[in-house]
């Protein structure tokens, strides 16, 4: 199932529900929503609902880690993450998410008498697929994952280095083409 993210809020508690296979194509909308969310006057908590999630790619995980760290700076509490899937729980544990989220299953969430989860609206996928902004988002997300643990740092070091080198190569090529265009314009 292709993934989507549904967002809603109830009295300052924001809910992000991830459905299906959520990948980098949803991250631009996720980042934009999170930026607006933490700036709302009544914001006080966020719940990440992974009950119907099949998979999260590493960029999405990095975006979630960045969100958690930002929320903790704002209100000194980590967000709640609902996850029933043992496979996803293993991935979250291996990435160090127990340090940046309160991870519970649905039964535990309900037992805590926390707010009901609103239905919300679907965030648009693929709103920002420009190569440069996507690359920057992937690099930032993976650097956030690298900061969570040494194992993550080792896992993603080569990927981040390759993406940063690719970016630098493209900048050099752009500079060279600009110089050539300037030279050609002066020659005429």
C-alpha atoms as a PDB file:
ATOM      1  CA  UNK A   1       0.000   0.000   0.000  1.00  0.00           C
ATOM      2  CA  UNK A   2       1.400   3.381  -1.022  1.00  0.00           C
ATOM      3  CA  UNK A   3       1.759   5.523   2.047  1.00  0.00           C
ATOM      4  CA  UNK A   4       0.191   8.711   3.217  1.00  0.00           C
ATOM      5  CA  UNK A   5       0.251  10.845   6.319  1.00  0.00           C
ATOM      6  CA  UNK A   6      -2.923  12.105   7.948  1.00  0.00           C
ATOM      7  CA  UNK A   7      -2.728  15.054  10.339  1.00  0.00           C
ATOM      8  CA  UNK A   8      -5.201  16.432  12.832  1.00  0.00           C
ATOM      9  CA  UNK A   9      -5.393  18.123  16.190  1.00  0.00           C
ATOM     10  CA  UNK A  10      -7.607  18.361  19.225  1.00  0.00           C
ATOM     11  CA  UNK A  11      -7.109  21.138  21.767  1.00  0.00           C
ATOM     12  CA  UNK A  12      -3.392  21.508  21.050  1.00  0.00           C
ATOM     13  CA  UNK A  13      -2.619  17.798  20.796  1.00  0.00           C
ATOM     14  CA  UNK A  14      -1.562  17.130  17.225  1.00  0.00           C
ATOM     15  CA  UNK A  15      -1.743  13.674  15.705  1.00  0.00           C
ATOM     16  CA  UNK A  16       0.263  12.427  12.745  1.00  0.00           C
ATOM     17  CA  UNK A  17      -1.084   9.108  11.487  1.00  0.00           C
ATOM     18  CA  UNK A  18       1.192   7.244   9.063  1.00  0.00           C
ATOM     19  CA  UNK A  19      -0.597   4.836   6.749  1.00  0.00           C
ATOM     20  CA  UNK A  20       1.029   2.202   4.531  1.00  0.00           C
ATOM     21  CA  UNK A  21       4.551   2.573   3.175  1.00  0.00           C
ATOM     22  CA  UNK A  22       5.645   6.139   4.014  1.00  0.00           C
ATOM     23  CA  UNK A  23       8.667   7.421   2.097  1.00  0.00           C
ATOM     24  CA  UNK A  24      10.685  10.510   1.245  1.00  0.00           C
ATOM     25  CA  UNK A  25       7.959  11.762  -1.122  1.00  0.00           C
ATOM     26  CA  UNK A  26       5.782  12.593   1.897  1.00  0.00           C
ATOM     27  CA  UNK A  27       8.567  14.315   3.861  1.00  0.00           C
ATOM     28  CA  UNK A  28       8.230  17.797   2.341  1.00  0.00           C
ATOM     29  CA  UNK A  29       4.588  17.989   3.416  1.00  0.00           C
ATOM     30  CA  UNK A  30       5.466  16.426   6.792  1.00  0.00           C
ATOM     31  CA  UNK A  31       8.206  18.993   7.442  1.00  0.00           C
ATOM     32  CA  UNK A  32       5.936  21.875   6.392  1.00  0.00           C
ATOM     33  CA  UNK A  33       3.094  20.670   8.617  1.00  0.00           C
ATOM     34  CA  UNK A  34       5.416  20.156  11.593  1.00  0.00           C
ATOM     35  CA  UNK A  35       6.859  23.645  11.167  1.00  0.00           C
ATOM     36  CA  UNK A  36       3.355  25.175  11.295  1.00  0.00           C
ATOM     37  CA  UNK A  37       2.243  22.823  14.068  1.00  0.00           C
ATOM     38  CA  UNK A  38       4.923  23.751  16.592  1.00  0.00           C
ATOM     39  CA  UNK A  39       4.248  27.455  15.989  1.00  0.00           C
ATOM     40  CA  UNK A  40       0.530  27.301  16.802  1.00  0.00           C
ATOM     41  CA  UNK A  41      -0.407  29.125  19.980  1.00  0.00           C
ATOM     42  CA  UNK A  42      -2.181  26.142  21.549  1.00  0.00           C
ATOM     43  CA  UNK A  43       0.436  23.494  20.667  1.00  0.00           C
ATOM     44  CA  UNK A  44       1.358  21.315  23.629  1.00  0.00           C
ATOM     45  CA  UNK A  45       1.812  17.744  22.401  1.00  0.00           C
ATOM     46  CA  UNK A  46       2.171  15.505  19.385  1.00  0.00           C
ATOM     47  CA  UNK A  47       1.225  11.864  18.961  1.00  0.00           C
ATOM     48  CA  UNK A  48       2.644   9.777  16.132  1.00  0.00           C
ATOM     49  CA  UNK A  49       0.289   6.926  15.245  1.00  0.00           C
ATOM     50  CA  UNK A  50       1.991   4.021  13.432  1.00  0.00           C
ATOM     51  CA  UNK A  51      -0.845   1.558  13.975  1.00  0.00           C
ATOM     52  CA  UNK A  52      -1.540   1.213  10.239  1.00  0.00           C
ATOM     53  CA  UNK A  53       2.040   1.732   9.058  1.00  0.00           C
ATOM     54  CA  UNK A  54       3.714  -0.933   6.955  1.00  0.00           C
ATOM     55  CA  UNK A  55       7.097   0.745   6.511  1.00  0.00           C
ATOM     56  CA  UNK A  56       8.976   4.001   7.120  1.00  0.00           C
ATOM     57  CA  UNK A  57      12.064   4.831   5.083  1.00  0.00           C
ATOM     58  CA  UNK A  58      15.125   6.282   6.767  1.00  0.00           C
ATOM     59  CA  UNK A  59      14.379   9.833   5.613  1.00  0.00           C
ATOM     60  CA  UNK A  60      10.956   9.673   7.251  1.00  0.00           C
ATOM     61  CA  UNK A  61      12.553   8.302  10.427  1.00  0.00           C
ATOM     62  CA  UNK A  62      15.022  11.191  10.413  1.00  0.00           C
ATOM     63  CA  UNK A  63      12.197  13.713  10.022  1.00  0.00           C
ATOM     64  CA  UNK A  64      10.422  12.132  13.003  1.00  0.00           C
ATOM     65  CA  UNK A  65      13.588  12.256  15.116  1.00  0.00           C
ATOM     66  CA  UNK A  66      14.063  15.944  14.251  1.00  0.00           C
ATOM     67  CA  UNK A  67      10.425  16.637  15.185  1.00  0.00           C
ATOM     68  CA  UNK A  68      10.813  14.883  18.518  1.00  0.00           C
ATOM     69  CA  UNK A  69      13.943  16.793  19.446  1.00  0.00           C
ATOM     70  CA  UNK A  70      12.262  20.084  18.540  1.00  0.00           C
ATOM     71  CA  UNK A  71       9.142  19.251  20.560  1.00  0.00           C
ATOM     72  CA  UNK A  72      11.244  18.291  23.578  1.00  0.00           C
ATOM     73  CA  UNK A  73      13.029  21.667  23.398  1.00  0.00           C
ATOM     74  CA  UNK A  74       9.660  23.438  23.303  1.00  0.00           C
ATOM     75  CA  UNK A  75       7.873  21.706  26.161  1.00  0.00           C
ATOM     76  CA  UNK A  76      10.403  19.423  27.887  1.00  0.00           C
ATOM     77  CA  UNK A  77       8.433  16.276  26.960  1.00  0.00           C
ATOM     78  CA  UNK A  78       9.042  13.730  24.250  1.00  0.00           C
ATOM     79  CA  UNK A  79       6.191  12.933  21.863  1.00  0.00           C
ATOM     80  CA  UNK A  80       4.156   9.754  22.167  1.00  0.00           C
ATOM     81  CA  UNK A  81       4.538   7.179  19.404  1.00  0.00           C
ATOM     82  CA  UNK A  82       1.909   4.437  19.050  1.00  0.00           C
ATOM     83  CA  UNK A  83       3.284   1.281  17.455  1.00  0.00           C
ATOM     84  CA  UNK A  84       1.870  -2.251  17.575  1.00  0.00           C
ATOM     85  CA  UNK A  85       4.131  -3.783  14.906  1.00  0.00           C
ATOM     86  CA  UNK A  86       7.035  -5.800  16.266  1.00  0.00           C
ATOM     87  CA  UNK A  87       8.970  -5.226  13.027  1.00  0.00           C
ATOM     88  CA  UNK A  88       8.602  -1.446  13.287  1.00  0.00           C
ATOM     89  CA  UNK A  89       9.428  -1.574  17.008  1.00  0.00           C
ATOM     90  CA  UNK A  90      12.707  -3.347  16.190  1.00  0.00           C
ATOM     91  CA  UNK A  91      13.553  -0.676  13.609  1.00  0.00           C
ATOM     92  CA  UNK A  92      12.680   2.119  16.039  1.00  0.00           C
ATOM     93  CA  UNK A  93      14.763   0.509  18.781  1.00  0.00           C
ATOM     94  CA  UNK A  94      17.739   0.010  16.471  1.00  0.00           C
ATOM     95  CA  UNK A  95      17.598   3.704  15.498  1.00  0.00           C
ATOM     96  CA  UNK A  96      17.537   4.874  19.129  1.00  0.00           C
ATOM     97  CA  UNK A  97      13.945   6.118  19.101  1.00  0.00           C
ATOM     98  CA  UNK A  98      13.368   5.040  22.714  1.00  0.00           C
ATOM     99  CA  UNK A  99      15.523   8.034  23.657  1.00  0.00           C
ATOM    100  CA  UNK A 100      13.369  10.550  21.770  1.00  0.00           C
ATOM    101  CA  UNK A 101       9.834   9.105  21.949  1.00  0.00           C
ATOM    102  CA  UNK A 102       7.559   7.486  24.504  1.00  0.00           C
ATOM    103  CA  UNK A 103       6.745   4.352  22.492  1.00  0.00           C
ATOM    104  CA  UNK A 104       3.539   2.560  23.460  1.00  0.00           C
ATOM    105  CA  UNK A 105       1.129   0.148  21.846  1.00  0.00           C
ATOM    106  CA  UNK A 106      -2.486   1.122  21.251  1.00  0.00           C
ATOM    107  CA  UNK A 107      -3.765  -0.627  24.375  1.00  0.00           C
ATOM    108  CA  UNK A 108      -1.258   1.255  26.554  1.00  0.00           C
ATOM    109  CA  UNK A 109      -2.207   4.553  24.882  1.00  0.00           C
ATOM    110  CA  UNK A 110      -5.885   3.919  25.585  1.00  0.00           C
ATOM    111  CA  UNK A 111      -5.098   2.893  29.188  1.00  0.00           C
ATOM    112  CA  UNK A 112      -3.328   6.224  29.779  1.00  0.00           C
ATOM    113  CA  UNK A 113      -6.632   8.049  29.153  1.00  0.00           C
ATOM    114  CA  UNK A 114      -4.990  10.302  26.589  1.00  0.00           C
ATOM    115  CA  UNK A 115      -7.079  12.293  24.103  1.00  0.00           C
ATOM    116  CA  UNK A 116      -8.965  10.482  21.367  1.00  0.00           C
ATOM    117  CA  UNK A 117      -7.130  10.590  18.059  1.00  0.00           C
ATOM    118  CA  UNK A 118      -8.870  12.835  15.512  1.00  0.00           C
ATOM    119  CA  UNK A 119      -9.335  11.633  11.926  1.00  0.00           C
ATOM    120  CA  UNK A 120      -7.506  14.608  10.398  1.00  0.00           C
ATOM    121  CA  UNK A 121      -6.655  15.426   6.795  1.00  0.00           C
ATOM    122  CA  UNK A 122      -4.221  13.816   4.367  1.00  0.00           C
ATOM    123  CA  UNK A 123      -0.978  15.707   3.834  1.00  0.00           C
ATOM    124  CA  UNK A 124      -0.165  16.013   0.124  1.00  0.00           C
ATOM    125  CA  UNK A 125       2.610  13.754  -1.150  1.00  0.00           C
ATOM    126  CA  UNK A 126       5.303  14.922  -3.485  1.00  0.00           C
ATOM    127  CA  UNK A 127       4.756  18.655  -3.085  1.00  0.00           C
ATOM    128  CA  UNK A 128       8.494  19.316  -3.264  1.00  0.00           C
ATOM    129  CA  UNK A 129      10.381  16.900  -5.463  1.00  0.00           C
ATOM    130  CA  UNK A 130      13.065  19.283  -6.721  1.00  0.00           C
ATOM    131  CA  UNK A 131      16.346  17.387  -6.637  1.00  0.00           C
ATOM    132  CA  UNK A 132      18.176  19.972  -4.536  1.00  0.00           C
ATOM    133  CA  UNK A 133      15.511  20.339  -1.843  1.00  0.00           C
ATOM    134  CA  UNK A 134      14.955  16.583  -1.701  1.00  0.00           C
ATOM    135  CA  UNK A 135      18.694  15.978  -1.357  1.00  0.00           C
ATOM    136  CA  UNK A 136      18.931  18.579   1.420  1.00  0.00           C
ATOM    137  CA  UNK A 137      15.989  16.974   3.234  1.00  0.00           C
ATOM    138  CA  UNK A 138      17.527  13.486   2.924  1.00  0.00           C
ATOM    139  CA  UNK A 139      20.908  14.746   4.191  1.00  0.00           C
ATOM    140  CA  UNK A 140      19.328  16.589   7.145  1.00  0.00           C
ATOM    141  CA  UNK A 141      17.154  13.611   8.087  1.00  0.00           C
ATOM    142  CA  UNK A 142      20.063  11.186   7.991  1.00  0.00           C
ATOM    143  CA  UNK A 143      22.303  13.526   9.988  1.00  0.00           C
ATOM    144  CA  UNK A 144      19.578  13.601  12.635  1.00  0.00           C
ATOM    145  CA  UNK A 145      19.531   9.800  12.720  1.00  0.00           C
ATOM    146  CA  UNK A 146      23.336   9.773  12.925  1.00  0.00           C
ATOM    147  CA  UNK A 147      23.157  12.011  15.993  1.00  0.00           C
ATOM    148  CA  UNK A 148      20.935   9.504  17.817  1.00  0.00           C
ATOM    149  CA  UNK A 149      23.525   6.738  18.068  1.00  0.00           C
ATOM    150  CA  UNK A 150      26.998   5.655  17.018  1.00  0.00           C
ATOM    151  CA  UNK A 151      25.491   2.686  15.167  1.00  0.00           C
ATOM    152  CA  UNK A 152      23.346   5.086  13.110  1.00  0.00           C
ATOM    153  CA  UNK A 153      26.389   7.274  12.485  1.00  0.00           C
ATOM    154  CA  UNK A 154      28.245   4.294  11.069  1.00  0.00           C
ATOM    155  CA  UNK A 155      25.240   3.100   9.052  1.00  0.00           C
ATOM    156  CA  UNK A 156      24.536   6.425   7.336  1.00  0.00           C
ATOM    157  CA  UNK A 157      28.020   8.018   7.173  1.00  0.00           C
ATOM    158  CA  UNK A 158      28.753   6.868   3.603  1.00  0.00           C
ATOM    159  CA  UNK A 159      25.295   7.830   2.324  1.00  0.00           C
ATOM    160  CA  UNK A 160      25.531  11.349   3.750  1.00  0.00           C
ATOM    161  CA  UNK A 161      29.093  11.776   2.466  1.00  0.00           C
ATOM    162  CA  UNK A 162      28.063  10.639  -1.028  1.00  0.00           C
ATOM    163  CA  UNK A 163      25.094  13.003  -1.130  1.00  0.00           C
ATOM    164  CA  UNK A 164      27.194  15.917   0.114  1.00  0.00           C
ATOM    165  CA  UNK A 165      29.918  15.141  -2.449  1.00  0.00           C
ATOM    166  CA  UNK A 166      27.309  14.951  -5.202  1.00  0.00           C
ATOM    167  CA  UNK A 167      25.986  18.344  -4.115  1.00  0.00           C
ATOM    168  CA  UNK A 168      29.479  19.865  -4.139  1.00  0.00           C
ATOM    169  CA  UNK A 169      30.190  18.409  -7.603  1.00  0.00           C
ATOM    170  CA  UNK A 170      26.992  19.929  -8.953  1.00  0.00           C
ATOM    171  CA  UNK A 171      27.889  23.306  -7.438  1.00  0.00           C
ATOM    172  CA  UNK A 172      31.321  23.167  -9.111  1.00  0.00           C
ATOM    173  CA  UNK A 173      29.714  22.252 -12.445  1.00  0.00           C
ATOM    174  CA  UNK A 174      27.235  25.136 -12.103  1.00  0.00           C
ATOM    175  CA  UNK A 175      30.084  27.544 -11.322  1.00  0.00           C
ATOM    176  CA  UNK A 176      32.046  26.337 -14.359  1.00  0.00           C
ATOM    177  CA  UNK A 177      29.037  26.693 -16.654  1.00  0.00           C
ATOM    178  CA  UNK A 178      28.458  30.195 -15.284  1.00  0.00           C
ATOM    179  CA  UNK A 179      32.068  31.170 -15.975  1.00  0.00           C
ATOM    180  CA  UNK A 180      31.830  29.773 -19.499  1.00  0.00           C
ATOM    181  CA  UNK A 181      28.620  31.696 -20.138  1.00  0.00           C
ATOM    182  CA  UNK A 182      30.207  34.911 -18.825  1.00  0.00           C
ATOM    183  CA  UNK A 183      33.269  34.353 -21.007  1.00  0.00           C
ATOM    184  CA  UNK A 184      31.107  33.690 -24.078  1.00  0.00           C
ATOM    185  CA  UNK A 185      29.022  36.816 -23.382  1.00  0.00           C
ATOM    186  CA  UNK A 186      32.136  38.995 -23.094  1.00  0.00           C
ATOM    187  CA  UNK A 187      33.599  37.527 -26.298  1.00  0.00           C
ATOM    188  CA  UNK A 188      30.608  38.630 -28.388  1.00  0.00           C
END
